[in-house]
Amino acid sequence: MQKVAIIGAGITGLTAAFELKEKGIDCTVFEASGRVGGCIQTVLEDGFLVECGPNSILDTHPNLGKLIARLGLEGNKLPSKPEANNRFIVRDGKPIALPTSPPAFFSSKAFSAKAKLRLMREPFITSKSNEQESLAEFVVRRLGQEFLDYAINPFVSGVYAGDPAKLATCHAFPKLYELEQKYGSLIKGAIKGSKERKQRTETASKDARMFTFDDGMEVLPKQLAAKLGDTVRLNTPVSSIQTLEEGIWLVNREEFSDVLIAIPAYAQTELNAPFDVDVFSEIYYPPVASLSLGFGLNQFMHPLNGFGVLIPKIEKRFSLGALFPSSIFAGRAPGGMALLTVFIGGSQSPERALMDEGEMLAEVLKDLHDLLGLDGEPDFRHLSVWPKAIPQYVVGYEKYLNRMKQVEADFPGIHFAGHYRDGISVANSILSGINTAERIIKHEDTKDTKSL
């Protein structure tokens, strides 16, 4: 009989457990901490709703909506406001609206005339096949240095807390890599690819609707845990994984047919398992601080009418950028107030995420004063520090992916899933749980077929 141990009650582990339970498969979720959700954590304080981790989900795949419907959360979904489509980037010390269409790009002040002409050459640049090419090398080759400095670098800092000179295009941004490989051009591929996505009922990230839940992102893992009931064991770290005989695994001395490992890569070296995953300790998770601040709307000269502002490294500021949560979603701040979440640290300045809170606040307020016209002090603040935040898909990351595949091949019944394997977004992590649950079911079907 199939019985699955799931290590980790983050969004991947919970989703996988829910999928398996829906199929009638017995499973147990082991969670070392006293709460579910992993990095998804919502705090409601003084009328402000703060996301300590991810602030939203992009609805890029039909399975996301199906899962939410099955959980009974459709009525709790909160779509982003229309103004959330506006995004700003700092150039020459001022926030400038990023263009949202080709015509807007050519009239935008975010990029120079030289950069615009350089972009027009992209369809004529010879394609290359190089899995060891960094994102920075890829972007400069196809789009030019200015596009790297004022578009890709701040985007990567904001999304990945990463360094484009170290991230591998093929691993960190596989869709970009695939566009060049399949179509020979990013621009040609974007046009042709949109037609193909429509046929597959998928949505491009740039067109996907962004949403959260009325009471915050933590609604999702809490609802999954509620559906799973006593399947989830909190404050229960896994001390050992052992193989009893072929097809049977012992997790904390309980028997299971399959083991799904859905905890961060760096934590897997402590599992005391018969397979060697020590190499995963090399995967870099940079520290990131998330400082949420509440102000009166009248304290800003900038209207805060957008998703947020990204700050390119070339601008030499302290912060990576800031989200405007109260402009993205309703109910994030009291009336007449604004909530901003500023990100600090990451791969390019990790020491800043771990500095004294008072010193950090002073630097952040200076950035907000200079860039957004802030006057005065915050009425509210909440600091979240993630010492190991986001796995970096660096050049050579296939070393770790190949090790996962090798362990799964050598030790049938062991499965790896999560943001260290299938992409760092919340949507990626959910889909990782869904897809891995399907693989586990197929693994059992294969065993049954062989036994006939």
Protein backbone atom coordinates (compact mmCIF):
# COMPACT_ATOMS: atom_id res chain seq x y z
CA MET A 1 0.00 0.00 0.00
CA GLN A 2 1.32 3.45 -0.90
CA LYS A 3 2.10 5.78 1.98
CA VAL A 4 4.07 8.98 1.44
CA ALA A 5 6.28 10.95 3.83
CA ILE A 6 6.53 14.63 2.94
CA ILE A 7 9.33 16.58 4.57
CA GLY A 8 8.46 20.25 4.84
CA ALA A 9 5.12 22.06 5.22
CA GLY A 10 5.95 24.90 2.88
CA ILE A 11 3.67 25.57 -0.07
CA THR A 12 5.22 22.78 -2.19
CA GLY A 13 4.92 20.10 0.48
CA LEU A 14 1.38 21.10 1.45
CA THR A 15 0.22 21.19 -2.17
CA ALA A 16 1.70 17.76 -2.87
CA ALA A 17 0.06 16.34 0.27
CA PHE A 18 -3.31 17.79 -0.73
CA GLU A 19 -3.07 16.33 -4.23
CA LEU A 20 -2.14 12.90 -2.86
CA LYS A 21 -4.87 12.93 -0.23
CA GLU A 22 -7.44 13.87 -2.88
CA LYS A 23 -6.37 10.72 -4.75
CA GLY A 24 -6.88 8.62 -1.63
CA ILE A 25 -3.17 8.19 -0.87
CA ASP A 26 -2.13 8.21 2.77
CA CYS A 27 0.60 10.72 3.61
CA THR A 28 2.27 12.42 6.56
CA VAL A 29 3.80 15.90 6.45
CA PHE A 30 6.75 16.44 8.79
CA GLU A 31 7.39 20.09 9.68
CA ALA A 32 10.25 21.07 11.98
CA SER A 33 8.81 24.48 12.92
CA GLY A 34 5.59 25.36 14.69
CA ARG A 35 3.79 26.76 11.63
CA VAL A 36 2.99 25.94 8.02
CA GLY A 37 3.77 28.00 4.93
CA GLY A 38 7.54 28.35 5.04
CA CYS A 39 8.48 31.78 3.71
CA ILE A 40 4.80 32.67 3.15
CA GLN A 41 3.98 34.62 6.28
CA THR A 42 1.41 37.38 6.84
CA VAL A 43 1.32 39.79 9.78
CA LEU A 44 -1.66 42.03 10.66
CA GLU A 45 -0.58 44.84 12.95
CA ASP A 46 -1.95 48.33 13.69
CA GLY A 47 -4.26 48.11 10.68
CA PHE A 48 -1.43 47.24 8.27
CA LEU A 49 -1.29 43.88 6.50
CA VAL A 50 2.35 42.95 5.97
CA GLU A 51 3.72 40.13 3.84
CA CYS A 52 7.03 39.02 5.35
CA GLY A 53 7.75 36.91 2.27
CA PRO A 54 6.05 36.72 -1.16
CA ASN A 55 3.33 39.32 -1.65
CA SER A 56 1.35 37.81 -4.54
CA ILE A 57 0.84 35.02 -7.05
CA LEU A 58 0.89 35.34 -10.83
CA ASP A 59 -1.94 33.32 -12.36
CA THR A 60 0.17 31.77 -15.13
CA HIS A 61 -1.28 28.24 -15.27
CA PRO A 62 -4.82 26.79 -15.16
CA ASN A 63 -3.85 24.36 -12.38
CA LEU A 64 -3.38 27.28 -9.99
CA GLY A 65 -6.99 28.37 -10.35
CA LYS A 66 -8.21 24.79 -10.14
CA LEU A 67 -6.38 24.25 -6.87
CA ILE A 68 -7.80 27.43 -5.34
CA ALA A 69 -11.31 26.42 -6.42
CA ARG A 70 -10.92 22.96 -4.88
CA LEU A 71 -9.78 24.59 -1.65
CA GLY A 72 -12.88 26.78 -1.57
CA LEU A 73 -10.85 29.98 -1.73
CA GLU A 74 -12.25 31.57 -4.89
CA GLY A 75 -14.27 34.01 -2.79
CA ASN A 76 -11.14 34.99 -0.88
CA LYS A 77 -9.04 35.86 -3.94
CA LEU A 78 -8.09 39.51 -4.15
CA PRO A 79 -7.03 40.78 -7.59
CA SER A 80 -4.52 43.57 -7.95
CA LYS A 81 -5.69 47.12 -8.57
CA PRO A 82 -5.36 48.49 -12.14
CA GLU A 83 -2.61 50.90 -11.05
CA ALA A 84 -0.44 47.93 -10.07
CA ASN A 85 0.39 47.66 -13.78
CA ASN A 86 2.46 50.83 -13.41
CA ARG A 87 6.08 50.12 -12.48
CA PHE A 88 8.85 52.58 -11.86
CA ILE A 89 12.61 52.45 -12.23
CA VAL A 90 15.15 54.93 -10.92
CA ARG A 91 17.24 56.69 -13.52
CA ASP A 92 19.51 59.63 -12.73
CA GLY A 93 18.05 59.78 -9.23
CA LYS A 94 14.40 59.98 -10.31
CA PRO A 95 11.63 57.36 -10.59
CA ILE A 96 10.54 56.93 -14.21
CA ALA A 97 7.56 54.87 -15.36
CA LEU A 98 8.58 51.75 -17.23
CA PRO A 99 7.00 51.41 -20.68
CA THR A 100 4.17 48.89 -20.94
CA SER A 101 3.96 48.62 -24.74
CA PRO A 102 6.29 48.91 -27.78
CA PRO A 103 5.09 52.45 -28.63
CA ALA A 104 5.58 53.50 -25.00
CA PHE A 105 9.09 52.04 -25.04
CA PHE A 106 10.21 54.28 -27.89
CA SER A 107 8.88 57.40 -26.17
CA SER A 108 10.08 56.40 -22.69
CA LYS A 109 12.76 58.33 -20.80
CA ALA A 110 13.83 55.12 -19.04
CA PHE A 111 16.17 54.27 -21.93
CA SER A 112 18.39 56.38 -24.16
CA ALA A 113 18.00 56.64 -27.93
CA LYS A 114 21.15 54.55 -28.28
CA ALA A 115 19.63 51.75 -26.17
CA LYS A 116 16.43 51.81 -28.23
CA LEU A 117 18.37 51.51 -31.48
CA ARG A 118 20.43 48.70 -29.98
CA LEU A 119 17.25 46.81 -29.07
CA MET A 120 16.04 47.03 -32.67
CA ARG A 121 19.11 45.03 -33.73
CA GLU A 122 18.14 42.08 -31.52
CA PRO A 123 16.31 40.03 -34.19
CA PHE A 124 19.41 40.12 -36.39
CA ILE A 125 21.94 38.94 -33.80
CA THR A 126 23.22 35.39 -34.30
CA SER A 127 21.93 32.95 -31.71
CA LYS A 128 24.22 30.85 -29.50
CA SER A 129 23.78 27.65 -27.54
CA ASN A 130 25.74 28.00 -24.31
CA GLU A 131 24.36 26.65 -21.05
CA GLN A 132 27.30 28.19 -19.20
CA GLU A 133 26.41 31.74 -20.24
CA SER A 134 25.46 34.09 -17.42
CA LEU A 135 22.37 36.24 -17.64
CA ALA A 136 24.54 39.37 -17.83
CA GLU A 137 26.50 37.96 -20.78
CA PHE A 138 23.28 36.88 -22.48
CA VAL A 139 21.60 40.27 -22.08
CA VAL A 140 24.61 42.33 -23.18
CA ARG A 141 25.04 40.09 -26.23
CA ARG A 142 21.41 40.32 -27.32
CA LEU A 143 20.15 43.62 -25.89
CA GLY A 144 23.12 45.75 -24.89
CA GLN A 145 24.76 47.06 -21.70
CA GLU A 146 22.18 49.74 -20.94
CA PHE A 147 19.34 47.23 -21.00
CA LEU A 148 21.30 45.14 -18.51
CA ASP A 149 21.95 48.11 -16.22
CA TYR A 150 18.48 49.66 -16.26
CA ALA A 151 16.12 46.73 -16.83
CA ILE A 152 17.60 43.33 -16.07
CA ASN A 153 19.87 44.14 -13.12
CA PRO A 154 17.13 45.83 -11.05
CA PHE A 155 14.59 43.18 -12.05
CA VAL A 156 16.92 40.36 -11.00
CA SER A 157 17.72 42.16 -7.74
CA GLY A 158 14.03 42.58 -7.01
CA VAL A 159 12.82 39.11 -7.97
CA TYR A 160 15.83 36.89 -7.28
CA ALA A 161 17.84 39.08 -4.90
CA GLY A 162 20.44 37.96 -7.40
CA ASP A 163 23.42 39.02 -9.47
CA PRO A 164 22.95 38.68 -13.25
CA ALA A 165 26.70 38.15 -13.65
CA LYS A 166 26.36 34.90 -11.67
CA LEU A 167 22.91 33.57 -12.58
CA ALA A 168 22.66 31.11 -15.47
CA THR A 169 20.23 32.15 -18.17
CA CYS A 170 19.22 28.57 -18.93
CA HIS A 171 18.37 27.81 -15.28
CA ALA A 172 17.23 31.11 -13.76
CA PHE A 173 15.35 32.36 -16.83
CA PRO A 174 14.75 29.26 -18.95
CA LYS A 175 12.03 30.91 -21.04
CA LEU A 176 14.48 33.56 -22.26
CA TYR A 177 17.01 30.87 -23.09
CA GLU A 178 14.37 28.79 -24.90
CA LEU A 179 13.22 31.79 -26.95
CA GLU A 180 16.69 32.17 -28.41
CA GLN A 181 17.14 28.43 -28.95
CA LYS A 182 13.75 27.93 -30.60
CA TYR A 183 13.29 31.16 -32.54
CA GLY A 184 16.79 32.64 -32.77
CA SER A 185 15.52 35.93 -31.32
CA LEU A 186 13.80 37.12 -28.15
CA ILE A 187 11.56 39.54 -30.03
CA LYS A 188 10.56 37.01 -32.69
CA GLY A 189 10.03 34.40 -30.00
CA ALA A 190 7.86 36.66 -27.87
CA ILE A 191 5.53 37.27 -30.81
CA LYS A 192 5.32 33.65 -31.96
CA GLY A 193 5.34 32.25 -28.44
CA SER A 194 2.24 34.20 -27.42
CA LYS A 195 0.22 32.39 -30.08
CA GLU A 196 1.48 29.01 -28.88
CA ARG A 197 0.67 29.81 -25.24
CA LYS A 198 -2.91 30.63 -26.18
CA GLN A 199 -3.22 27.21 -27.78
CA ARG A 200 -1.93 25.62 -24.53
CA THR A 201 -4.23 27.84 -22.40
CA GLU A 202 -1.17 29.25 -20.63
CA THR A 203 -0.55 32.89 -19.82
CA ALA A 204 2.69 34.80 -20.20
CA SER A 205 4.04 36.24 -16.95
CA LYS A 206 3.78 39.78 -18.32
CA ASP A 207 0.06 39.24 -19.08
CA ALA A 208 -0.83 37.12 -16.05
CA ARG A 209 -3.23 38.53 -13.47
CA MET A 210 -1.66 39.08 -10.09
CA PHE A 211 -3.64 38.17 -6.99
CA THR A 212 -3.43 37.49 -3.28
CA PHE A 213 -6.12 36.75 -0.69
CA ASP A 214 -8.26 39.11 1.36
CA ASP A 215 -6.42 38.26 4.58
CA GLY A 216 -3.02 37.84 2.96
CA MET A 217 -0.90 35.16 1.34
CA GLU A 218 -0.85 32.95 4.42
CA VAL A 219 -4.51 32.14 3.79
CA LEU A 220 -3.38 29.60 1.17
CA PRO A 221 -1.04 27.41 3.26
CA LYS A 222 -3.39 27.62 6.25
CA GLN A 223 -6.31 26.40 4.16
CA LEU A 224 -4.22 23.55 2.76
CA ALA A 225 -3.23 22.58 6.30
CA ALA A 226 -6.86 22.75 7.44
CA LYS A 227 -7.87 20.37 4.65
CA LEU A 228 -5.02 18.02 5.57
CA GLY A 229 -5.84 17.97 9.29
CA ASP A 230 -3.66 15.68 11.39
CA THR A 231 -1.75 14.69 8.26
CA VAL A 232 0.48 17.66 9.14
CA ARG A 233 2.77 17.23 12.15
CA LEU A 234 4.24 20.49 13.40
CA ASN A 235 7.34 20.69 15.58
CA THR A 236 8.40 17.33 14.15
CA PRO A 237 11.84 17.47 12.54
CA VAL A 238 13.04 14.48 10.55
CA SER A 239 16.01 12.93 12.33
CA SER A 240 16.67 10.09 9.89
CA ILE A 241 15.72 8.54 6.57
CA GLN A 242 16.58 4.86 6.24
CA THR A 243 15.86 2.11 3.76
CA LEU A 244 14.35 -1.00 5.33
CA GLU A 245 14.07 -3.13 2.22
CA GLU A 246 13.30 -2.56 -1.44
CA GLY A 247 10.25 -0.32 -1.70
CA ILE A 248 10.12 0.58 1.99
CA TRP A 249 11.57 3.69 3.62
CA LEU A 250 11.81 4.54 7.31
CA VAL A 251 11.31 8.19 8.23
CA ASN A 252 11.65 8.76 11.96
CA ARG A 253 11.21 4.95 12.18
CA GLU A 254 7.82 4.97 10.41
CA GLU A 255 7.37 2.99 7.20
CA PHE A 256 6.63 4.72 3.89
CA SER A 257 6.68 3.75 0.23
CA ASP A 258 7.81 7.21 -0.94
CA VAL A 259 9.60 10.21 0.54
CA LEU A 260 9.14 13.71 -0.88
CA ILE A 261 11.81 16.18 0.23
CA ALA A 262 10.39 19.71 0.07
CA ILE A 263 12.66 21.65 2.41
CA PRO A 264 15.38 24.12 1.37
CA ALA A 265 18.42 22.53 -0.23
CA TYR A 266 20.78 23.63 2.55
CA ALA A 267 18.63 21.87 5.20
CA GLN A 268 18.74 18.51 3.41
CA THR A 269 22.29 17.80 4.53
CA GLU A 270 20.92 17.30 8.08
CA LEU A 271 18.47 14.53 7.17
CA ASN A 272 20.83 11.64 8.00
CA ALA A 273 19.87 9.79 4.81
CA PRO A 274 21.61 6.91 2.99
CA PHE A 275 22.11 9.08 -0.11
CA ASP A 276 24.71 11.84 -0.32
CA VAL A 277 23.36 15.37 -0.81
CA ASP A 278 26.24 17.24 0.84
CA VAL A 279 26.80 19.08 -2.44
CA PHE A 280 23.50 20.92 -1.84
CA SER A 281 25.21 22.90 0.94
CA GLU A 282 26.99 24.79 -1.86
CA ILE A 283 23.72 26.27 -3.18
CA TYR A 284 23.80 29.94 -2.23
CA TYR A 285 20.82 31.51 -0.49
CA PRO A 286 21.69 35.20 0.08
CA PRO A 287 20.24 37.10 3.05
CA VAL A 288 17.40 39.54 2.36
CA ALA A 289 15.70 42.00 4.69
CA SER A 290 12.14 43.16 4.09
CA LEU A 291 11.34 46.42 5.88
CA SER A 292 7.65 47.38 5.78
CA LEU A 293 6.85 50.98 6.63
CA GLY A 294 3.57 52.84 7.13
CA PHE A 295 3.25 56.55 6.32
CA GLY A 296 0.57 59.11 5.68
CA LEU A 297 -0.10 59.44 1.96
CA ASN A 298 0.51 63.18 2.28
CA GLN A 299 4.12 62.52 3.35
CA PHE A 300 5.11 61.73 -0.25
CA MET A 301 5.52 63.96 -3.26
CA HIS A 302 5.28 60.86 -5.48
CA PRO A 303 1.69 59.56 -5.91
CA LEU A 304 2.76 55.93 -5.27
CA ASN A 305 0.45 54.98 -8.13
CA GLY A 306 2.02 51.67 -9.08
CA PHE A 307 3.41 48.30 -8.12
CA GLY A 308 6.65 49.76 -6.83
CA VAL A 309 10.04 51.12 -7.80
CA LEU A 310 13.20 49.21 -8.73
CA ILE A 311 16.61 50.73 -8.09
CA PRO A 312 19.41 49.74 -10.50
CA LYS A 313 22.77 48.99 -8.90
CA ILE A 314 24.35 51.61 -11.15
CA GLU A 315 22.35 54.28 -9.26
CA LYS A 316 24.39 53.51 -6.11
CA ARG A 317 21.55 53.55 -3.57
CA PHE A 318 21.21 51.49 -0.40
CA SER A 319 17.91 49.73 -1.14
CA LEU A 320 17.16 47.18 -3.86
CA GLY A 321 13.73 48.66 -4.41
CA ALA A 322 10.33 49.14 -2.82
CA LEU A 323 6.87 47.70 -3.30
CA PHE A 324 3.74 49.80 -2.74
CA PRO A 325 1.45 47.09 -1.25
CA SER A 326 -1.39 49.51 -0.45
CA SER A 327 -1.40 50.58 -4.11
CA ILE A 328 -1.32 46.97 -5.34
CA PHE A 329 -4.11 45.50 -3.19
CA ALA A 330 -7.01 46.85 -1.18
CA GLY A 331 -7.04 46.58 2.60
CA ARG A 332 -3.28 46.76 3.18
CA ALA A 333 -3.24 50.04 5.14
CA PRO A 334 -5.68 52.21 7.12
CA GLY A 335 -7.45 55.03 5.30
CA GLY A 336 -5.19 57.89 4.33
CA MET A 337 -2.10 55.75 4.89
CA ALA A 338 0.39 54.05 2.59
CA LEU A 339 2.31 50.82 3.16
CA LEU A 340 5.71 50.40 1.50
CA THR A 341 7.93 47.33 1.66
CA VAL A 342 11.61 47.99 1.01
CA PHE A 343 14.06 45.20 0.20
CA ILE A 344 17.68 45.24 1.33
CA GLY A 345 20.64 42.92 0.79
CA GLY A 346 20.64 40.08 -1.69
CA SER A 347 23.59 38.66 -3.60
CA GLN A 348 25.09 42.02 -4.54
CA SER A 349 25.11 43.51 -1.02
CA PRO A 350 24.40 40.69 1.48
CA GLU A 351 25.90 42.46 4.49
CA ARG A 352 23.20 45.15 4.36
CA ALA A 353 20.43 42.66 5.14
CA LEU A 354 22.07 41.79 8.46
CA MET A 355 22.95 45.28 9.72
CA ASP A 356 21.48 47.03 12.76
CA GLU A 357 17.79 47.87 12.28
CA GLY A 358 18.24 51.51 13.23
CA GLU A 359 21.07 52.01 10.75
CA MET A 360 19.09 50.17 8.08
CA LEU A 361 16.03 52.37 8.68
CA ALA A 362 18.08 55.56 8.38
CA GLU A 363 19.51 54.47 5.02
CA VAL A 364 16.09 53.41 3.72
CA LEU A 365 14.46 56.69 4.76
CA LYS A 366 17.19 58.59 2.93
CA ASP A 367 16.42 56.61 -0.24
CA LEU A 368 12.68 57.25 0.12
CA HIS A 369 13.29 60.96 0.73
CA ASP A 370 15.55 61.36 -2.28
CA LEU A 371 13.57 59.19 -4.70
CA LEU A 372 9.92 59.56 -3.65
CA GLY A 373 9.92 62.90 -1.86
CA LEU A 374 9.25 61.45 1.59
CA ASP A 375 8.89 63.96 4.41
CA GLY A 376 9.04 62.69 7.98
CA GLU A 377 9.18 59.41 9.88
CA PRO A 378 7.05 56.26 9.58
CA ASP A 379 4.07 55.69 11.87
CA PHE A 380 4.56 51.93 11.57
CA ARG A 381 7.39 49.54 10.80
CA HIS A 382 7.96 45.80 10.64
CA LEU A 383 11.26 44.14 9.80
CA SER A 384 11.62 40.60 8.45
CA VAL A 385 15.11 39.20 7.94
CA TRP A 386 15.65 36.04 5.91
CA PRO A 387 19.26 34.91 6.50
CA LYS A 388 18.88 32.38 3.68
CA ALA A 389 16.25 33.75 1.33
CA ILE A 390 16.24 32.57 -2.29
CA PRO A 391 18.30 29.83 -3.99
CA GLN A 392 20.55 31.24 -6.69
CA TYR A 393 20.42 29.35 -10.00
CA VAL A 394 24.01 30.17 -10.85
CA VAL A 395 26.12 29.09 -13.82
CA GLY A 396 26.80 25.39 -13.30
CA TYR A 397 23.54 24.77 -11.40
CA GLU A 398 23.01 21.60 -13.44
CA LYS A 399 25.48 20.01 -11.03
CA TYR A 400 22.80 20.11 -8.32
CA LEU A 401 19.88 19.24 -10.61
CA ASN A 402 21.78 16.23 -11.94
CA ARG A 403 22.50 15.08 -8.40
CA MET A 404 18.77 15.17 -7.61
CA LYS A 405 18.02 13.09 -10.70
CA GLN A 406 20.79 10.63 -9.83
CA VAL A 407 19.52 10.12 -6.28
CA GLU A 408 15.97 9.59 -7.56
CA ALA A 409 17.27 7.00 -10.05
CA ASP A 410 19.48 5.19 -7.53
CA PHE A 411 16.97 5.30 -4.67
CA PRO A 412 13.46 4.65 -6.07
CA GLY A 413 10.82 6.29 -3.93
CA ILE A 414 12.88 9.40 -3.14
CA HIS A 415 11.58 12.61 -4.73
CA PHE A 416 12.83 16.21 -4.68
CA ALA A 417 10.56 19.23 -5.16
CA GLY A 418 10.40 22.92 -4.41
CA HIS A 419 11.88 26.28 -5.29
CA TYR A 420 15.44 24.95 -5.41
CA ARG A 421 14.46 22.71 -8.33
CA ASP A 422 11.45 24.01 -10.24
CA GLY A 423 11.65 27.81 -10.04
CA ILE A 424 11.52 30.36 -7.24
CA SER A 425 8.05 31.91 -7.60
CA VAL A 426 5.05 30.88 -5.51
CA ALA A 427 3.34 29.66 -8.68
CA ASN A 428 6.39 27.54 -9.55
CA SER A 429 6.43 26.07 -6.05
CA ILE A 430 2.73 25.18 -6.19
CA LEU A 431 3.10 23.56 -9.61
CA SER A 432 6.16 21.69 -8.33
CA GLY A 433 3.99 20.15 -5.62
CA ILE A 434 1.23 19.23 -8.07
CA ASN A 435 3.60 17.72 -10.63
CA THR A 436 5.63 15.79 -8.05
CA ALA A 437 2.46 14.30 -6.59
CA GLU A 438 1.62 13.05 -10.08
CA ARG A 439 5.10 11.51 -10.38
CA ILE A 440 4.66 9.74 -7.05
CA ILE A 441 1.36 8.26 -8.20
CA LYS A 442 2.98 7.09 -11.44
CA HIS A 443 5.86 5.59 -9.43
CA GLU A 444 3.37 3.43 -7.53
CA ASP A 445 1.59 2.46 -10.75
CA THR A 446 4.94 1.38 -12.21
CA LYS A 447 5.68 -0.76 -9.16
CA ASP A 448 2.25 -2.38 -9.40
CA THR A 449 2.78 -3.16 -13.10
CA LYS A 450 6.17 -4.75 -12.41
CA SER A 451 4.71 -6.95 -9.69
CA LEU A 452 2.11 -8.47 -12.02
